[in-house]
């Protein structure tokens, strides 16, 4: 999936200022600050690129010129591919170098891990959707969401303000309120939103699908349980004016088991695994320019 958006200038300025609040001391001490140079970023290994637009923009924010290709986020590349080239003052090149490289490496790692998870899931079912949770590193939401979008997944939820997801922790406060009334209460309060209920076993799944939940999210259930719930969900078509609830699988979903879960007939796999994807190395070279 190609680049969905670019991080804002204030976010990028924060990264740049964190690394070089008062410029590059070494370039100043060596008296090379004003020397002209070129910096190139290349993929050291095959990967899905992410963060290249941010790296280019960091350069612009420090007066550098974009010189040559810019491989867009979401593009699969082979080892050695030139991703970005920047020219300008040596001091400014050094100020941009590490923030841009590190951002591309971490974002590329998440995007690549996402693409691998999506590919594994679609070997089990070509139409299954993969959604990533909000369990990313705190403070990294903008970059993490961009990375999983570039890898072919969608956000599961961007925060607790934008979706209705009923956990056992919510139900603990409902007392004797019947499941059907709980679902009805949510649909009355939020008529345009789907009601998602996370359950731990088949019995809970049946209870909440009969109560009218739009999505049943099975937490840490084996594939055989998921397959049985999918079959039960098909019998709900026509009830509550729906085609039956969607079945989502969450908890421990990764590239190693995604194919098996996809074969159950579940419509959505929910995972946080891509956020632990190993950074993908981006090699950076600096040289005098013009040579």
Protein backbone atom coordinates (compact mmCIF):
# COMPACT_ATOMS: atom_id res chain seq x y z
CA UNK A 1 0.00 0.00 0.00
CA UNK A 2 1.36 3.42 -0.94
CA UNK A 3 1.96 6.35 1.41
CA UNK A 4 -1.27 7.35 3.20
CA UNK A 5 0.07 10.57 4.74
CA UNK A 6 3.20 12.30 5.99
CA UNK A 7 3.97 13.18 9.60
CA UNK A 8 3.52 16.85 10.44
CA UNK A 9 6.34 19.37 10.52
CA UNK A 10 6.05 19.83 14.32
CA UNK A 11 6.49 16.06 14.80
CA UNK A 12 9.55 16.07 12.55
CA UNK A 13 10.98 19.19 14.21
CA UNK A 14 10.71 17.42 17.56
CA UNK A 15 12.85 14.56 16.24
CA UNK A 16 15.40 16.90 14.69
CA UNK A 17 15.71 19.11 17.77
CA UNK A 18 16.01 16.11 20.06
CA UNK A 19 19.18 15.02 18.25
CA UNK A 20 20.69 18.40 17.44
CA UNK A 21 19.25 21.23 19.54
CA UNK A 22 22.29 23.45 18.85
CA UNK A 23 23.69 22.05 15.62
CA UNK A 24 26.52 19.57 14.97
CA UNK A 25 29.36 20.23 17.38
CA UNK A 26 31.80 18.05 15.45
CA UNK A 27 31.24 19.78 12.10
CA UNK A 28 31.68 23.16 13.84
CA UNK A 29 34.83 22.03 15.62
CA UNK A 30 36.37 20.67 12.41
CA UNK A 31 35.39 23.84 10.51
CA UNK A 32 33.59 21.83 7.80
CA UNK A 33 30.06 23.12 8.41
CA UNK A 34 29.80 25.01 5.12
CA UNK A 35 31.34 22.31 2.92
CA UNK A 36 28.97 21.01 0.25
CA UNK A 37 27.95 17.39 0.48
CA UNK A 38 25.55 14.69 -0.63
CA UNK A 39 23.83 12.08 1.54
CA UNK A 40 22.23 8.93 0.10
CA UNK A 41 19.94 6.41 1.78
CA UNK A 42 19.88 2.84 0.44
CA UNK A 43 18.02 -0.28 1.55
CA UNK A 44 20.59 -2.66 2.99
CA UNK A 45 18.13 -5.56 2.75
CA UNK A 46 14.81 -6.24 1.00
CA UNK A 47 12.01 -4.39 2.76
CA UNK A 48 8.80 -2.38 2.47
CA UNK A 49 9.88 1.25 2.54
CA UNK A 50 8.30 3.57 5.09
CA UNK A 51 9.23 7.05 6.26
CA UNK A 52 11.04 8.20 3.11
CA UNK A 53 8.78 11.26 2.74
CA UNK A 54 9.51 12.23 6.33
CA UNK A 55 13.26 11.85 5.73
CA UNK A 56 13.03 14.09 2.67
CA UNK A 57 10.99 16.65 4.59
CA UNK A 58 13.50 16.66 7.45
CA UNK A 59 16.10 17.60 4.86
CA UNK A 60 13.95 20.45 3.57
CA UNK A 61 13.42 21.73 7.10
CA UNK A 62 17.21 22.04 7.43
CA UNK A 63 17.77 23.63 4.04
CA UNK A 64 18.80 20.52 2.11
CA UNK A 65 17.84 19.86 -1.49
CA UNK A 66 16.22 16.67 -2.73
CA UNK A 67 18.55 15.32 -5.42
CA UNK A 68 17.46 12.23 -7.33
CA UNK A 69 14.82 9.57 -6.66
CA UNK A 70 12.44 9.33 -3.75
CA UNK A 71 11.04 5.85 -3.27
CA UNK A 72 7.63 6.26 -1.69
CA UNK A 73 6.44 4.63 1.51
CA UNK A 74 4.67 1.34 0.90
CA UNK A 75 6.99 0.34 -1.95
CA UNK A 76 8.66 -3.11 -1.73
CA UNK A 77 12.34 -2.84 -2.68
CA UNK A 78 15.35 -5.12 -3.03
CA UNK A 79 18.67 -4.77 -1.23
CA UNK A 80 20.77 -1.89 -2.53
CA UNK A 81 17.89 0.24 -3.80
CA UNK A 82 18.57 3.98 -3.62
CA UNK A 83 15.71 5.43 -1.56
CA UNK A 84 16.61 9.10 -1.19
CA UNK A 85 19.41 11.55 -1.98
CA UNK A 86 19.93 14.95 -0.32
CA UNK A 87 22.50 17.69 -0.92
CA UNK A 88 23.53 20.72 1.10
CA UNK A 89 25.86 21.94 3.84
CA UNK A 90 27.81 19.27 5.71
CA UNK A 91 26.54 20.52 9.07
CA UNK A 92 22.93 20.25 7.91
CA UNK A 93 23.48 16.80 6.42
CA UNK A 94 24.79 15.60 9.77
CA UNK A 95 21.83 17.15 11.63
CA UNK A 96 19.37 15.20 9.47
CA UNK A 97 21.33 11.95 9.11
CA UNK A 98 20.42 9.94 12.22
CA UNK A 99 16.86 11.15 12.84
CA UNK A 100 15.94 10.39 9.22
CA UNK A 101 17.78 7.07 9.09
CA UNK A 102 16.36 5.81 12.38
CA UNK A 103 12.81 6.82 11.48
CA UNK A 104 13.05 4.97 8.15
CA UNK A 105 14.52 1.87 9.79
CA UNK A 106 11.88 1.53 12.49
CA UNK A 107 9.00 2.42 10.17
CA UNK A 108 10.33 0.08 7.50
CA UNK A 109 10.53 -2.72 10.06
CA UNK A 110 6.90 -2.29 11.05
CA UNK A 111 5.71 -1.97 7.44
CA UNK A 112 7.66 -5.05 6.37
CA UNK A 113 6.41 -7.12 9.31
CA UNK A 114 2.86 -6.03 8.51
CA UNK A 115 3.23 -7.06 4.87
CA UNK A 116 4.54 -10.46 5.95
CA UNK A 117 1.59 -10.96 8.30
CA UNK A 118 -0.92 -9.93 5.62
CA UNK A 119 0.70 -12.28 3.10
CA UNK A 120 0.51 -15.19 5.55
CA UNK A 121 -3.15 -14.48 6.33
CA UNK A 122 -4.12 -14.28 2.68
CA UNK A 123 -2.59 -17.65 1.97
CA UNK A 124 -5.39 -18.91 4.19
CA UNK A 125 -8.09 -16.66 2.73
CA UNK A 126 -7.42 -14.06 0.01
CA UNK A 127 -10.10 -11.65 1.25
CA UNK A 128 -9.32 -11.61 4.96
CA UNK A 129 -8.56 -8.27 6.58
CA UNK A 130 -5.72 -7.66 9.04
CA UNK A 131 -6.10 -4.95 11.66
CA UNK A 132 -3.42 -3.76 14.07
CA UNK A 133 -4.14 -2.78 17.65
CA UNK A 134 -3.20 0.43 19.41
CA UNK A 135 -0.48 -1.37 21.42
CA UNK A 136 2.34 0.48 19.68
CA UNK A 137 5.21 2.14 21.51
CA UNK A 138 3.69 5.09 23.42
CA UNK A 139 4.25 8.34 21.59
CA UNK A 140 4.70 6.66 18.19
CA UNK A 141 1.09 6.53 16.98
CA UNK A 142 1.49 8.66 13.84
CA UNK A 143 4.45 6.67 12.57
CA UNK A 144 3.08 3.29 13.68
CA UNK A 145 -0.28 3.79 12.00
CA UNK A 146 1.42 4.95 8.80
CA UNK A 147 3.66 1.87 8.84
CA UNK A 148 0.85 -0.65 9.21
CA UNK A 149 -1.17 1.08 6.50
CA UNK A 150 1.85 0.91 4.18
CA UNK A 151 2.16 -2.79 4.97
CA UNK A 152 -1.43 -3.50 3.94
CA UNK A 153 -3.24 -3.60 7.28
CA UNK A 154 -5.76 -1.24 8.87
CA UNK A 155 -5.92 0.24 12.37
CA UNK A 156 -8.06 -1.89 14.66
CA UNK A 157 -9.03 1.22 16.57
CA UNK A 158 -7.20 4.52 16.86
CA UNK A 159 -8.34 5.01 20.46
CA UNK A 160 -11.23 4.29 22.78
CA UNK A 161 -13.09 7.39 21.62
CA UNK A 162 -13.70 6.20 18.07
CA UNK A 163 -15.09 2.65 18.42
CA UNK A 164 -17.41 0.58 20.60
CA UNK A 165 -15.52 -2.45 21.91
CA UNK A 166 -17.06 -4.17 24.93
CA UNK A 167 -14.45 -5.98 27.01
CA UNK A 168 -15.03 -8.25 29.99
CA UNK A 169 -13.69 -5.31 31.98
CA UNK A 170 -16.72 -3.27 30.85
CA UNK A 171 -19.14 -6.09 31.54
CA UNK A 172 -17.89 -6.35 35.10
CA UNK A 173 -19.80 -3.12 35.81
CA UNK A 174 -23.09 -4.15 34.17
CA UNK A 175 -24.40 -6.21 37.07
CA UNK A 176 -27.44 -8.26 36.00
CA UNK A 177 -28.11 -6.26 32.82
CA UNK A 178 -28.91 -8.77 30.05
CA UNK A 179 -26.57 -8.86 27.05
CA UNK A 180 -29.36 -7.85 24.68
CA UNK A 181 -30.12 -4.74 26.70
CA UNK A 182 -26.45 -3.81 26.84
CA UNK A 183 -26.18 -4.01 23.04
CA UNK A 184 -29.42 -2.07 22.63
CA UNK A 185 -28.15 0.63 24.98
CA UNK A 186 -25.00 1.08 22.91
CA UNK A 187 -26.91 1.18 19.63
CA UNK A 188 -29.27 3.76 21.04
CA UNK A 189 -26.39 5.93 22.23
CA UNK A 190 -24.23 5.45 19.11
CA UNK A 191 -26.59 4.49 16.25
CA UNK A 192 -23.98 4.80 13.49
CA UNK A 193 -21.33 2.62 15.11
CA UNK A 194 -20.85 -1.13 15.15
CA UNK A 195 -20.90 -2.92 18.48
CA UNK A 196 -17.89 -5.16 18.94
CA UNK A 197 -17.74 -7.59 21.86
CA UNK A 198 -14.58 -9.43 22.88
CA UNK A 199 -15.21 -12.94 24.26
CA UNK A 200 -13.06 -15.72 25.63
CA UNK A 201 -14.92 -18.85 24.49
CA UNK A 202 -17.67 -20.27 22.29
CA UNK A 203 -20.45 -19.93 24.84
CA UNK A 204 -19.78 -16.23 25.33
CA UNK A 205 -19.62 -15.79 21.56
CA UNK A 206 -23.07 -17.33 21.10
CA UNK A 207 -24.54 -15.24 23.93
CA UNK A 208 -23.38 -11.95 22.43
CA UNK A 209 -24.10 -12.76 18.82
CA UNK A 210 -27.68 -13.62 19.84
CA UNK A 211 -27.76 -10.30 21.71
CA UNK A 212 -27.15 -8.50 18.41
CA UNK A 213 -23.45 -7.66 18.49
CA UNK A 214 -22.13 -6.69 15.07
CA UNK A 215 -18.66 -8.13 15.58
CA UNK A 216 -17.56 -10.97 17.85
CA UNK A 217 -13.87 -10.75 18.72
CA UNK A 218 -12.45 -14.05 19.95
CA UNK A 219 -9.54 -13.57 22.33
CA UNK A 220 -6.81 -16.24 22.41
CA UNK A 221 -9.07 -19.00 21.06
CA UNK A 222 -7.63 -21.90 19.01
CA UNK A 223 -8.54 -22.14 15.31
CA UNK A 224 -10.97 -25.03 15.88
CA UNK A 225 -13.01 -22.87 18.28
CA UNK A 226 -12.97 -20.01 15.83
CA UNK A 227 -14.25 -22.28 13.06
CA UNK A 228 -17.19 -23.40 15.21
CA UNK A 229 -18.09 -19.80 16.06
CA UNK A 230 -17.93 -18.84 12.38
CA UNK A 231 -20.41 -21.62 11.62
CA UNK A 232 -22.73 -20.43 14.41
CA UNK A 233 -22.49 -16.84 13.16
CA UNK A 234 -23.79 -17.94 9.76
CA UNK A 235 -27.03 -19.05 11.42
CA UNK A 236 -27.61 -15.50 12.68
CA UNK A 237 -28.14 -14.05 9.19
CA UNK A 238 -31.45 -12.22 9.03
CA UNK A 239 -31.68 -11.68 12.77
CA UNK A 240 -31.46 -8.11 14.10
CA UNK A 241 -31.70 -6.98 10.46
CA UNK A 242 -28.16 -8.09 9.65
CA UNK A 243 -26.17 -10.63 7.68
CA UNK A 244 -24.90 -12.10 10.93
CA UNK A 245 -21.96 -10.90 12.99
CA UNK A 246 -18.43 -10.63 11.67
CA UNK A 247 -15.92 -12.82 13.45
CA UNK A 248 -12.56 -11.37 14.42
CA UNK A 249 -9.61 -13.20 15.97
CA UNK A 250 -7.34 -11.45 18.46
CA UNK A 251 -4.62 -12.36 20.93
CA UNK A 252 -1.36 -13.92 19.78
CA UNK A 253 -2.01 -13.59 16.05
CA UNK A 254 1.26 -13.54 14.12
CA UNK A 255 2.77 -14.53 10.79
CA UNK A 256 3.25 -18.08 12.04
CA UNK A 257 -0.42 -18.80 12.75
CA UNK A 258 -2.25 -16.27 10.57
CA UNK A 259 -2.83 -18.73 7.73
CA UNK A 260 -4.48 -21.27 10.05
CA UNK A 261 -6.75 -18.61 11.55
CA UNK A 262 -7.67 -17.29 8.11
CA UNK A 263 -8.76 -20.76 7.02
CA UNK A 264 -11.43 -20.79 9.75
CA UNK A 265 -13.55 -18.30 7.83
CA UNK A 266 -12.98 -15.43 10.27
CA UNK A 267 -13.19 -12.08 8.50
CA UNK A 268 -10.64 -10.10 10.53
CA UNK A 269 -7.33 -10.92 12.21
CA UNK A 270 -6.30 -8.48 14.94
CA UNK A 271 -2.63 -8.29 15.89
CA UNK A 272 0.00 -6.14 17.55
CA UNK A 273 2.88 -8.27 16.24
CA UNK A 274 3.97 -5.83 13.48
CA UNK A 275 4.94 -3.25 16.09
CA UNK A 276 7.68 -5.63 17.24
CA UNK A 277 9.05 -6.00 13.70
CA UNK A 278 12.84 -5.72 13.62
CA UNK A 279 14.06 -2.42 12.12
CA UNK A 280 15.14 -2.79 8.48
CA UNK A 281 18.63 -1.44 7.92
CA UNK A 282 19.01 1.66 5.79
CA UNK A 283 22.61 2.37 4.77
CA UNK A 284 23.64 6.03 4.63
CA UNK A 285 26.64 7.44 2.78
CA UNK A 286 27.98 11.01 2.87
CA UNK A 287 30.47 12.49 0.43
CA UNK A 288 31.66 15.91 -0.77
CA UNK A 289 29.38 17.39 -3.43
CA UNK A 290 30.09 18.50 -6.06
CA UNK A 291 32.86 15.90 -6.07
